[in-house]
Amino acid sequence: MGARRALHFVFKVGNRGQSARFYRELLGMRILRHEEFEEGCKATCNGPYDGKWSKTMVGYGPEDDHFVAELTYNYGVGEYRLGSDFLGMTLMSSQAVSNARKMGWPLKEVARGIFETEAPGGYKFYLEDKEQPQQDPVLKVTLAVSNLQKSVSYWSDLLGMKIYETNEEKQRALLGYADNQCKLELQGIGGAVDHATAFGRIAFSCPKEELPNIEALMKKEKQKILTPLVSLDTPGKATVQVVILADPDNHEICFVGDEAFRELSKMDPNGNKLLDDAMAADKSDEWFAKHKMQKTSA
């Protein structure tokens, strides 16, 4: 098995302006790149929608060595219903805690020096009130599972993740591909996982030649493949190959060929401007208000 990397988590956002403010001004992340699309992604990157949408990558540094967030915005959808699937992203940044206080953003101390806050749309973030490290401040993503043992087996035995910690009493496990990467935390919730309409997707890279092997293994083990191996084109940029899986609780997992993705994911110095220009040009809220209508609630 070649080197695998944790890349990003996909969030659907209904209000792009509020979301940009949270990630930029509160968390202190940078816009790494921004892209606009006229029709839905054939790997359903933007969810089950066919219309115009945008993708904004935000993080503390390039995806080569940082775990980042992908914000997908569907122009006609104003909000999404949260389920019980995504339990939070944890990062270390006393600056983010300070920013939240200055902005009057709600904070709740849930453990000593750890504060819970919510991004627009209700996604939970946990901020450790410690100096932001030189390496990636994003420590872990926590997902709910219905059967911890079954999920740990899937992620470790089939997807090759190292088990860093397990706690049967608290129904919790921590896994990852490398010590210096964002970890995946699995939290048992003692029941079925509800993905609702806000469901996300976690992405990893691997050497391109491993993608057919991953697909073949999932077929052999009779596991879910949501999107068989496919090539995705981004105009003027690298074409990447991906395969999309679903774990035992139907969490979506994207594996992408590393070589092309490193080219595709290079930071765009115009990312901030592209996002700001797109938001300024987006008159969808005014159109719906003028026609006394509301955007779709997915």
C-alpha atoms as a PDB file:
ATOM      1  CA  MET A   1       0.000   0.000   0.000  1.00  0.00           C
ATOM      2  CA  GLY A   2       1.437   3.362  -1.021  1.00  0.00           C
ATOM      3  CA  ALA A   3       1.331   6.521   1.064  1.00  0.00           C
ATOM      4  CA  ARG A   4      -2.187   7.768   1.690  1.00  0.00           C
ATOM      5  CA  ARG A   5      -3.123  11.269   2.826  1.00  0.00           C
ATOM      6  CA  ALA A   6      -6.147  12.791   4.530  1.00  0.00           C
ATOM      7  CA  LEU A   7      -7.260  15.680   2.298  1.00  0.00           C
ATOM      8  CA  HIS A   8     -10.537  17.375   3.151  1.00  0.00           C
ATOM      9  CA  PHE A   9     -14.114  17.154   4.399  1.00  0.00           C
ATOM     10  CA  VAL A  10     -16.986  18.386   2.234  1.00  0.00           C
ATOM     11  CA  PHE A  11     -19.601  20.685   3.777  1.00  0.00           C
ATOM     12  CA  LYS A  12     -22.748  21.844   1.983  1.00  0.00           C
ATOM     13  CA  VAL A  13     -23.355  25.532   2.685  1.00  0.00           C
ATOM     14  CA  GLY A  14     -26.604  27.409   2.160  1.00  0.00           C
ATOM     15  CA  ASN A  15     -25.250  30.887   2.894  1.00  0.00           C
ATOM     16  CA  ARG A  16     -21.912  31.418   1.208  1.00  0.00           C
ATOM     17  CA  GLY A  17     -21.283  34.880   2.674  1.00  0.00           C
ATOM     18  CA  GLN A  18     -21.821  33.840   6.292  1.00  0.00           C
ATOM     19  CA  SER A  19     -19.778  30.687   5.753  1.00  0.00           C
ATOM     20  CA  ALA A  20     -16.869  32.617   4.216  1.00  0.00           C
ATOM     21  CA  ARG A  21     -16.895  34.962   7.214  1.00  0.00           C
ATOM     22  CA  PHE A  22     -16.743  32.048   9.677  1.00  0.00           C
ATOM     23  CA  TYR A  23     -13.865  30.237   7.995  1.00  0.00           C
ATOM     24  CA  ARG A  24     -11.866  33.337   7.114  1.00  0.00           C
ATOM     25  CA  GLU A  25     -12.450  35.685  10.034  1.00  0.00           C
ATOM     26  CA  LEU A  26     -13.143  33.323  12.931  1.00  0.00           C
ATOM     27  CA  LEU A  27     -11.086  30.236  12.154  1.00  0.00           C
ATOM     28  CA  GLY A  28      -8.437  32.282  10.344  1.00  0.00           C
ATOM     29  CA  MET A  29      -8.297  29.969   7.322  1.00  0.00           C
ATOM     30  CA  ARG A  30      -7.303  31.058   3.823  1.00  0.00           C
ATOM     31  CA  ILE A  31      -9.151  30.616   0.556  1.00  0.00           C
ATOM     32  CA  LEU A  32      -6.978  28.070  -1.227  1.00  0.00           C
ATOM     33  CA  ARG A  33      -8.976  28.026  -4.464  1.00  0.00           C
ATOM     34  CA  HIS A  34     -12.466  28.734  -5.762  1.00  0.00           C
ATOM     35  CA  GLU A  35     -14.241  27.227  -8.782  1.00  0.00           C
ATOM     36  CA  GLU A  36     -17.636  27.767 -10.371  1.00  0.00           C
ATOM     37  CA  PHE A  37     -19.530  25.044 -12.263  1.00  0.00           C
ATOM     38  CA  GLU A  38     -22.578  25.283 -14.507  1.00  0.00           C
ATOM     39  CA  GLU A  39     -23.819  21.739 -13.910  1.00  0.00           C
ATOM     40  CA  GLY A  40     -23.600  19.062 -11.248  1.00  0.00           C
ATOM     41  CA  CYS A  41     -20.519  16.900 -10.689  1.00  0.00           C
ATOM     42  CA  LYS A  42     -20.629  13.367 -12.099  1.00  0.00           C
ATOM     43  CA  ALA A  43     -19.163  12.117  -8.825  1.00  0.00           C
ATOM     44  CA  THR A  44     -21.890  14.086  -6.940  1.00  0.00           C
ATOM     45  CA  CYS A  45     -19.281  16.310  -5.272  1.00  0.00           C
ATOM     46  CA  ASN A  46     -22.040  18.897  -4.731  1.00  0.00           C
ATOM     47  CA  GLY A  47     -24.652  16.342  -3.672  1.00  0.00           C
ATOM     48  CA  PRO A  48     -27.612  15.118  -5.738  1.00  0.00           C
ATOM     49  CA  TYR A  49     -28.102  18.416  -7.598  1.00  0.00           C
ATOM     50  CA  ASP A  50     -27.782  19.142 -11.305  1.00  0.00           C
ATOM     51  CA  GLY A  51     -27.673  22.929 -11.383  1.00  0.00           C
ATOM     52  CA  LYS A  52     -25.072  25.643 -11.002  1.00  0.00           C
ATOM     53  CA  TRP A  53     -22.773  25.284  -7.984  1.00  0.00           C
ATOM     54  CA  SER A  54     -19.411  26.353  -6.618  1.00  0.00           C
ATOM     55  CA  LYS A  55     -16.551  24.751  -4.722  1.00  0.00           C
ATOM     56  CA  THR A  56     -14.396  26.712  -2.278  1.00  0.00           C
ATOM     57  CA  MET A  57     -11.408  25.102  -0.574  1.00  0.00           C
ATOM     58  CA  VAL A  58     -10.430  26.725   2.739  1.00  0.00           C
ATOM     59  CA  GLY A  59      -7.629  25.810   5.121  1.00  0.00           C
ATOM     60  CA  TYR A  60      -4.516  26.840   7.008  1.00  0.00           C
ATOM     61  CA  GLY A  61      -2.245  25.802   4.160  1.00  0.00           C
ATOM     62  CA  PRO A  62      -2.083  23.735   0.967  1.00  0.00           C
ATOM     63  CA  GLU A  63      -3.616  20.267   0.854  1.00  0.00           C
ATOM     64  CA  ASP A  64      -0.156  18.759   0.335  1.00  0.00           C
ATOM     65  CA  ASP A  65       0.298  18.940   4.111  1.00  0.00           C
ATOM     66  CA  HIS A  66      -2.947  20.328   5.570  1.00  0.00           C
ATOM     67  CA  PHE A  67      -6.447  18.954   6.062  1.00  0.00           C
ATOM     68  CA  VAL A  68      -8.921  21.476   4.647  1.00  0.00           C
ATOM     69  CA  ALA A  69     -12.630  22.092   4.187  1.00  0.00           C
ATOM     70  CA  GLU A  70     -14.458  21.988   0.865  1.00  0.00           C
ATOM     71  CA  LEU A  71     -17.497  24.262   0.864  1.00  0.00           C
ATOM     72  CA  THR A  72     -20.019  23.342  -1.809  1.00  0.00           C
ATOM     73  CA  TYR A  73     -22.729  25.869  -2.600  1.00  0.00           C
ATOM     74  CA  ASN A  74     -25.733  25.029  -4.766  1.00  0.00           C
ATOM     75  CA  TYR A  75     -27.229  28.279  -6.038  1.00  0.00           C
ATOM     76  CA  GLY A  76     -30.861  27.294  -5.560  1.00  0.00           C
ATOM     77  CA  VAL A  77     -30.573  25.729  -2.104  1.00  0.00           C
ATOM     78  CA  GLY A  78     -30.759  27.944   0.981  1.00  0.00           C
ATOM     79  CA  GLU A  79     -30.369  25.398   3.761  1.00  0.00           C
ATOM     80  CA  TYR A  80     -29.796  21.727   4.481  1.00  0.00           C
ATOM     81  CA  ARG A  81     -31.114  19.487   7.238  1.00  0.00           C
ATOM     82  CA  LEU A  82     -28.475  18.260   9.668  1.00  0.00           C
ATOM     83  CA  GLY A  83     -28.367  14.621  10.661  1.00  0.00           C
ATOM     84  CA  SER A  84     -26.425  12.803  13.375  1.00  0.00           C
ATOM     85  CA  ASP A  85     -23.541  11.779  11.095  1.00  0.00           C
ATOM     86  CA  PHE A  86     -20.995  14.609  11.431  1.00  0.00           C
ATOM     87  CA  LEU A  87     -20.042  15.220  15.072  1.00  0.00           C
ATOM     88  CA  GLY A  88     -17.344  17.840  14.662  1.00  0.00           C
ATOM     89  CA  MET A  89     -13.939  19.006  13.498  1.00  0.00           C
ATOM     90  CA  THR A  90     -11.320  19.707  16.166  1.00  0.00           C
ATOM     91  CA  LEU A  91      -8.515  22.210  15.690  1.00  0.00           C
ATOM     92  CA  MET A  92      -5.887  23.871  17.851  1.00  0.00           C
ATOM     93  CA  SER A  93      -5.965  27.658  17.747  1.00  0.00           C
ATOM     94  CA  SER A  94      -6.151  30.138  20.600  1.00  0.00           C
ATOM     95  CA  GLN A  95      -6.421  32.794  17.870  1.00  0.00           C
ATOM     96  CA  ALA A  96      -9.712  31.267  16.676  1.00  0.00           C
ATOM     97  CA  VAL A  97     -11.051  31.340  20.245  1.00  0.00           C
ATOM     98  CA  SER A  98     -10.000  34.999  20.522  1.00  0.00           C
ATOM     99  CA  ASN A  99     -11.550  35.793  17.134  1.00  0.00           C
ATOM    100  CA  ALA A 100     -14.860  34.211  18.166  1.00  0.00           C
ATOM    101  CA  ARG A 101     -14.977  36.296  21.345  1.00  0.00           C
ATOM    102  CA  LYS A 102     -14.219  39.513  19.448  1.00  0.00           C
ATOM    103  CA  MET A 103     -16.919  38.701  16.882  1.00  0.00           C
ATOM    104  CA  GLY A 104     -19.477  37.812  19.545  1.00  0.00           C
ATOM    105  CA  TRP A 105     -19.751  34.331  18.056  1.00  0.00           C
ATOM    106  CA  PRO A 106     -21.295  31.818  20.511  1.00  0.00           C
ATOM    107  CA  LEU A 107     -18.731  29.669  22.338  1.00  0.00           C
ATOM    108  CA  LYS A 108     -19.332  26.949  24.914  1.00  0.00           C
ATOM    109  CA  GLU A 109     -16.526  25.463  27.006  1.00  0.00           C
ATOM    110  CA  VAL A 110     -17.138  21.700  26.900  1.00  0.00           C
ATOM    111  CA  ALA A 111     -13.883  20.652  28.563  1.00  0.00           C
ATOM    112  CA  ARG A 112     -11.025  22.599  30.092  1.00  0.00           C
ATOM    113  CA  GLY A 113      -9.609  24.785  27.332  1.00  0.00           C
ATOM    114  CA  ILE A 114     -11.828  23.261  24.613  1.00  0.00           C
ATOM    115  CA  PHE A 115     -14.643  25.336  23.155  1.00  0.00           C
ATOM    116  CA  GLU A 116     -17.537  24.240  20.986  1.00  0.00           C
ATOM    117  CA  THR A 117     -18.845  26.561  18.301  1.00  0.00           C
ATOM    118  CA  GLU A 118     -20.956  26.208  15.172  1.00  0.00           C
ATOM    119  CA  ALA A 119     -20.327  27.172  11.581  1.00  0.00           C
ATOM    120  CA  PRO A 120     -23.289  28.509   9.600  1.00  0.00           C
ATOM    121  CA  GLY A 121     -25.504  25.538   8.854  1.00  0.00           C
ATOM    122  CA  GLY A 122     -24.934  24.075  12.317  1.00  0.00           C
ATOM    123  CA  TYR A 123     -21.685  22.166  11.746  1.00  0.00           C
ATOM    124  CA  LYS A 124     -19.829  21.778  15.052  1.00  0.00           C
ATOM    125  CA  PHE A 125     -16.206  22.817  15.541  1.00  0.00           C
ATOM    126  CA  TYR A 126     -14.098  22.248  18.648  1.00  0.00           C
ATOM    127  CA  LEU A 127     -11.382  24.809  19.313  1.00  0.00           C
ATOM    128  CA  GLU A 128      -8.473  23.951  21.601  1.00  0.00           C
ATOM    129  CA  ASP A 129      -7.344  27.142  23.293  1.00  0.00           C
ATOM    130  CA  LYS A 130      -3.627  26.592  22.625  1.00  0.00           C
ATOM    131  CA  GLU A 131      -1.143  28.370  20.401  1.00  0.00           C
ATOM    132  CA  GLN A 132      -1.662  27.376  16.786  1.00  0.00           C
ATOM    133  CA  PRO A 133       1.072  24.899  15.800  1.00  0.00           C
ATOM    134  CA  GLN A 134       3.411  25.415  12.873  1.00  0.00           C
ATOM    135  CA  GLN A 135       2.116  22.210  11.311  1.00  0.00           C
ATOM    136  CA  ASP A 136      -1.555  21.620  10.489  1.00  0.00           C
ATOM    137  CA  PRO A 137      -3.840  22.863  13.321  1.00  0.00           C
ATOM    138  CA  VAL A 138      -6.692  20.548  12.224  1.00  0.00           C
ATOM    139  CA  LEU A 139      -6.428  17.568  14.574  1.00  0.00           C
ATOM    140  CA  LYS A 140      -9.387  15.316  13.816  1.00  0.00           C
ATOM    141  CA  VAL A 141     -12.802  14.857  12.223  1.00  0.00           C
ATOM    142  CA  THR A 142     -15.382  12.976  14.293  1.00  0.00           C
ATOM    143  CA  LEU A 143     -18.050  10.835  12.626  1.00  0.00           C
ATOM    144  CA  ALA A 144     -20.880   8.907  14.265  1.00  0.00           C
ATOM    145  CA  VAL A 145     -21.089   5.138  13.874  1.00  0.00           C
ATOM    146  CA  SER A 146     -23.725   2.598  14.873  1.00  0.00           C
ATOM    147  CA  ASN A 147     -21.332  -0.297  15.544  1.00  0.00           C
ATOM    148  CA  LEU A 148     -17.836   0.766  16.598  1.00  0.00           C
ATOM    149  CA  GLN A 149     -16.174  -2.634  16.174  1.00  0.00           C
ATOM    150  CA  LYS A 150     -17.600  -3.088  12.681  1.00  0.00           C
ATOM    151  CA  SER A 151     -16.530   0.411  11.618  1.00  0.00           C
ATOM    152  CA  VAL A 152     -13.016   0.098  13.039  1.00  0.00           C
ATOM    153  CA  SER A 153     -12.643  -3.172  11.131  1.00  0.00           C
ATOM    154  CA  TYR A 154     -13.762  -1.499   7.887  1.00  0.00           C
ATOM    155  CA  TRP A 155     -11.432   1.489   8.197  1.00  0.00           C
ATOM    156  CA  SER A 156      -8.408  -0.457   9.452  1.00  0.00           C
ATOM    157  CA  ASP A 157      -8.678  -3.850   7.731  1.00  0.00           C
ATOM    158  CA  LEU A 158     -10.105  -2.709   4.371  1.00  0.00           C
ATOM    159  CA  LEU A 159      -8.853   0.876   4.077  1.00  0.00           C
ATOM    160  CA  GLY A 160      -5.537   0.351   5.843  1.00  0.00           C
ATOM    161  CA  MET A 161      -5.793   2.968   8.583  1.00  0.00           C
ATOM    162  CA  LYS A 162      -3.637   2.658  11.697  1.00  0.00           C
ATOM    163  CA  ILE A 163      -5.553   2.431  14.992  1.00  0.00           C
ATOM    164  CA  TYR A 164      -4.155   5.053  17.367  1.00  0.00           C
ATOM    165  CA  GLU A 165      -6.610   4.715  20.255  1.00  0.00           C
ATOM    166  CA  THR A 166      -9.687   2.710  21.202  1.00  0.00           C
ATOM    167  CA  ASN A 167     -11.962   3.187  24.196  1.00  0.00           C
ATOM    168  CA  GLU A 168     -14.731   0.607  24.444  1.00  0.00           C
ATOM    169  CA  GLU A 169     -16.264   2.278  27.491  1.00  0.00           C
ATOM    170  CA  LYS A 170     -16.657   5.615  25.690  1.00  0.00           C
ATOM    171  CA  GLN A 171     -17.338   3.862  22.357  1.00  0.00           C
ATOM    172  CA  ARG A 172     -14.606   5.826  20.628  1.00  0.00           C
ATOM    173  CA  ALA A 173     -11.687   5.063  18.320  1.00  0.00           C
ATOM    174  CA  LEU A 174      -9.020   7.228  16.695  1.00  0.00           C
ATOM    175  CA  LEU A 175      -7.503   6.199  13.361  1.00  0.00           C
ATOM    176  CA  GLY A 176      -5.274   7.728  10.718  1.00  0.00           C
ATOM    177  CA  TYR A 177      -2.753   7.169   7.951  1.00  0.00           C
ATOM    178  CA  ALA A 178       0.184   8.993   9.559  1.00  0.00           C
ATOM    179  CA  ASP A 179       1.165  10.627  12.839  1.00  0.00           C
ATOM    180  CA  ASN A 180       1.384  14.088  11.264  1.00  0.00           C
ATOM    181  CA  GLN A 181      -2.020  13.948   9.521  1.00  0.00           C
ATOM    182  CA  CYS A 182      -5.544  14.825  10.598  1.00  0.00           C
ATOM    183  CA  LYS A 183      -7.114  11.810  12.306  1.00  0.00           C
ATOM    184  CA  LEU A 184     -10.517  10.200  11.908  1.00  0.00           C
ATOM    185  CA  GLU A 185     -12.397   9.708  15.159  1.00  0.00           C
ATOM    186  CA  LEU A 186     -15.274   7.226  15.199  1.00  0.00           C
ATOM    187  CA  GLN A 187     -17.870   7.723  17.929  1.00  0.00           C
ATOM    188  CA  GLY A 188     -20.493   5.079  18.641  1.00  0.00           C
ATOM    189  CA  ILE A 189     -23.963   6.565  19.151  1.00  0.00           C
ATOM    190  CA  GLY A 190     -25.861   3.378  19.994  1.00  0.00           C
ATOM    191  CA  GLY A 191     -28.246   3.586  17.059  1.00  0.00           C
ATOM    192  CA  ALA A 192     -28.650   4.246  13.363  1.00  0.00           C
ATOM    193  CA  VAL A 193     -26.753   7.157  11.796  1.00  0.00           C
ATOM    194  CA  ASP A 194     -28.960   9.778  10.100  1.00  0.00           C
ATOM    195  CA  HIS A 195     -27.281  11.598   7.201  1.00  0.00           C
ATOM    196  CA  ALA A 196     -30.256  13.868   6.443  1.00  0.00           C
ATOM    197  CA  THR A 197     -29.582  16.265   3.520  1.00  0.00           C
ATOM    198  CA  ALA A 198     -26.457  18.005   4.866  1.00  0.00           C
ATOM    199  CA  PHE A 199     -24.380  14.813   4.598  1.00  0.00           C
ATOM    200  CA  GLY A 200     -20.725  15.367   3.817  1.00  0.00           C
ATOM    201  CA  ARG A 201     -17.846  13.380   2.394  1.00  0.00           C
ATOM    202  CA  ILE A 202     -14.302  12.738   3.580  1.00  0.00           C
ATOM    203  CA  ALA A 203     -11.512  12.576   1.012  1.00  0.00           C
ATOM    204  CA  PHE A 204      -8.127  10.852   0.915  1.00  0.00           C
ATOM    205  CA  SER A 205      -5.463  10.504  -1.740  1.00  0.00           C
ATOM    206  CA  CYS A 206      -3.487   7.430  -2.763  1.00  0.00           C
ATOM    207  CA  PRO A 207      -1.173   6.553  -5.655  1.00  0.00           C
ATOM    208  CA  LYS A 208      -3.259   6.394  -8.831  1.00  0.00           C
ATOM    209  CA  GLU A 209      -2.420   2.734  -9.443  1.00  0.00           C
ATOM    210  CA  GLU A 210      -4.092   1.808  -6.142  1.00  0.00           C
ATOM    211  CA  LEU A 211      -7.536   3.041  -7.192  1.00  0.00           C
ATOM    212  CA  PRO A 212      -8.495  -0.070  -9.220  1.00  0.00           C
ATOM    213  CA  ASN A 213      -7.253  -2.241  -6.336  1.00  0.00           C
ATOM    214  CA  ILE A 214      -9.448  -0.373  -3.839  1.00  0.00           C
ATOM    215  CA  GLU A 215     -12.443  -0.805  -6.121  1.00  0.00           C
ATOM    216  CA  ALA A 216     -11.692  -4.515  -6.641  1.00  0.00           C
ATOM    217  CA  LEU A 217     -11.302  -5.098  -2.884  1.00  0.00           C
ATOM    218  CA  MET A 218     -14.656  -3.475  -2.166  1.00  0.00           C
ATOM    219  CA  LYS A 219     -16.335  -5.616  -4.808  1.00  0.00           C
ATOM    220  CA  LYS A 220     -14.724  -8.749  -3.380  1.00  0.00           C
ATOM    221  CA  GLU A 221     -15.800  -7.847   0.176  1.00  0.00           C
ATOM    222  CA  LYS A 222     -19.296  -6.888  -1.046  1.00  0.00           C
ATOM    223  CA  GLN A 223     -18.949  -3.334   0.239  1.00  0.00           C
ATOM    224  CA  LYS A 224     -20.733  -0.301  -1.200  1.00  0.00           C
ATOM    225  CA  ILE A 225     -19.221   1.552  -4.155  1.00  0.00           C
ATOM    226  CA  LEU A 226     -21.152   4.773  -4.769  1.00  0.00           C
ATOM    227  CA  THR A 227     -19.160   5.876  -7.832  1.00  0.00           C
ATOM    228  CA  PRO A 228     -16.964   3.365  -9.668  1.00  0.00           C
ATOM    229  CA  LEU A 229     -13.571   4.594 -10.828  1.00  0.00           C
ATOM    230  CA  VAL A 230     -14.151   7.712 -12.926  1.00  0.00           C
ATOM    231  CA  SER A 231     -12.141  10.637 -14.328  1.00  0.00           C
ATOM    232  CA  LEU A 232     -13.190  14.158 -13.321  1.00  0.00           C
ATOM    233  CA  ASP A 233     -12.285  17.138 -15.475  1.00  0.00           C
ATOM    234  CA  THR A 234     -11.727  20.672 -14.215  1.00  0.00           C
ATOM    235  CA  PRO A 235     -11.375  23.119 -17.153  1.00  0.00           C
ATOM    236  CA  GLY A 236      -7.790  24.287 -17.490  1.00  0.00           C
ATOM    237  CA  LYS A 237      -6.582  22.044 -14.673  1.00  0.00           C
ATOM    238  CA  ALA A 238      -5.510  18.451 -14.077  1.00  0.00           C
ATOM    239  CA  THR A 239      -7.927  15.585 -14.626  1.00  0.00           C
ATOM    240  CA  VAL A 240      -8.197  13.408 -11.535  1.00  0.00           C
ATOM    241  CA  GLN A 241      -9.425   9.859 -11.062  1.00  0.00           C
ATOM    242  CA  VAL A 242     -11.631   9.007  -8.097  1.00  0.00           C
ATOM    243  CA  VAL A 243     -13.600   6.151  -6.621  1.00  0.00           C
ATOM    244  CA  ILE A 244     -16.345   6.907  -4.086  1.00  0.00           C
ATOM    245  CA  LEU A 245     -17.164   4.400  -1.349  1.00  0.00           C
ATOM    246  CA  ALA A 246     -19.583   4.159   1.570  1.00  0.00           C
ATOM    247  CA  ASP A 247     -18.659   2.665   4.934  1.00  0.00           C
ATOM    248  CA  PRO A 248     -21.032   0.479   7.022  1.00  0.00           C
ATOM    249  CA  ASP A 249     -22.940   3.608   8.149  1.00  0.00           C
ATOM    250  CA  ASN A 250     -23.006   5.105   4.637  1.00  0.00           C
ATOM    251  CA  HIS A 251     -20.415   7.800   5.303  1.00  0.00           C
ATOM    252  CA  GLU A 252     -19.153   8.835   1.874  1.00  0.00           C
ATOM    253  CA  ILE A 253     -15.434   8.302   1.256  1.00  0.00           C
ATOM    254  CA  CYS A 254     -13.557   9.610  -1.778  1.00  0.00           C
ATOM    255  CA  PHE A 255     -10.191   8.204  -2.828  1.00  0.00           C
ATOM    256  CA  VAL A 256      -8.413  10.288  -5.461  1.00  0.00           C
ATOM    257  CA  GLY A 257      -5.224   9.667  -7.428  1.00  0.00           C
ATOM    258  CA  ASP A 258      -2.482  11.550  -5.604  1.00  0.00           C
ATOM    259  CA  GLU A 259      -0.290  12.602  -8.512  1.00  0.00           C
ATOM    260  CA  ALA A 260      -2.954  14.513 -10.458  1.00  0.00           C
ATOM    261  CA  PHE A 261      -4.593  15.801  -7.286  1.00  0.00           C
ATOM    262  CA  ARG A 262      -1.376  17.487  -6.161  1.00  0.00           C
ATOM    263  CA  GLU A 263      -1.450  19.409  -9.432  1.00  0.00           C
ATOM    264  CA  LEU A 264      -5.172  20.199  -9.182  1.00  0.00           C
ATOM    265  CA  SER A 265      -5.011  21.301  -5.538  1.00  0.00           C
ATOM    266  CA  LYS A 266      -2.242  23.885  -5.856  1.00  0.00           C
ATOM    267  CA  MET A 267      -3.116  27.116  -4.080  1.00  0.00           C
ATOM    268  CA  ASP A 268      -4.571  29.804  -6.316  1.00  0.00           C
ATOM    269  CA  PRO A 269      -3.363  33.291  -5.327  1.00  0.00           C
ATOM    270  CA  ASN A 270      -6.592  34.659  -6.839  1.00  0.00           C
ATOM    271  CA  GLY A 271      -8.807  32.402  -4.690  1.00  0.00           C
ATOM    272  CA  ASN A 272     -10.006  35.174  -2.376  1.00  0.00           C
ATOM    273  CA  LYS A 273     -10.894  37.478  -5.235  1.00  0.00           C
ATOM    274  CA  LEU A 274     -12.631  34.736  -7.190  1.00  0.00           C
ATOM    275  CA  LEU A 275     -14.841  33.915  -4.203  1.00  0.00           C
ATOM    276  CA  ASP A 276     -15.603  37.562  -3.439  1.00  0.00           C
ATOM    277  CA  ASP A 277     -16.417  38.262  -7.093  1.00  0.00           C
ATOM    278  CA  ALA A 278     -18.698  35.212  -7.273  1.00  0.00           C
ATOM    279  CA  MET A 279     -20.539  36.264  -4.122  1.00  0.00           C
ATOM    280  CA  ALA A 280     -20.933  39.816  -5.433  1.00  0.00           C
ATOM    281  CA  ALA A 281     -22.297  38.500  -8.725  1.00  0.00           C
ATOM    282  CA  ASP A 282     -24.693  36.068  -7.035  1.00  0.00           C
ATOM    283  CA  LYS A 283     -28.089  37.792  -7.147  1.00  0.00           C
ATOM    284  CA  SER A 284     -30.054  34.657  -6.249  1.00  0.00           C
ATOM    285  CA  ASP A 285     -31.134  35.963  -2.813  1.00  0.00           C
ATOM    286  CA  GLU A 286     -32.430  39.196  -4.351  1.00  0.00           C
ATOM    287  CA  TRP A 287     -34.256  37.275  -7.102  1.00  0.00           C
ATOM    288  CA  PHE A 288     -36.050  35.044  -4.636  1.00  0.00           C
ATOM    289  CA  ALA A 289     -36.934  38.024  -2.408  1.00  0.00           C
ATOM    290  CA  LYS A 290     -38.246  40.030  -5.372  1.00  0.00           C
ATOM    291  CA  HIS A 291     -40.519  37.141  -6.355  1.00  0.00           C
ATOM    292  CA  LYS A 292     -41.590  36.656  -2.720  1.00  0.00           C
ATOM    293  CA  MET A 293     -40.130  33.174  -2.741  1.00  0.00           C
ATOM    294  CA  GLN A 294     -37.654  31.305  -0.581  1.00  0.00           C
ATOM    295  CA  LYS A 295     -34.737  29.216  -1.679  1.00  0.00           C
ATOM    296  CA  THR A 296     -35.229  25.479  -1.466  1.00  0.00           C
ATOM    297  CA  SER A 297     -34.706  23.822   1.911  1.00  0.00           C
ATOM    298  CA  ALA A 298     -33.093  20.523   1.027  1.00  0.00           C
END
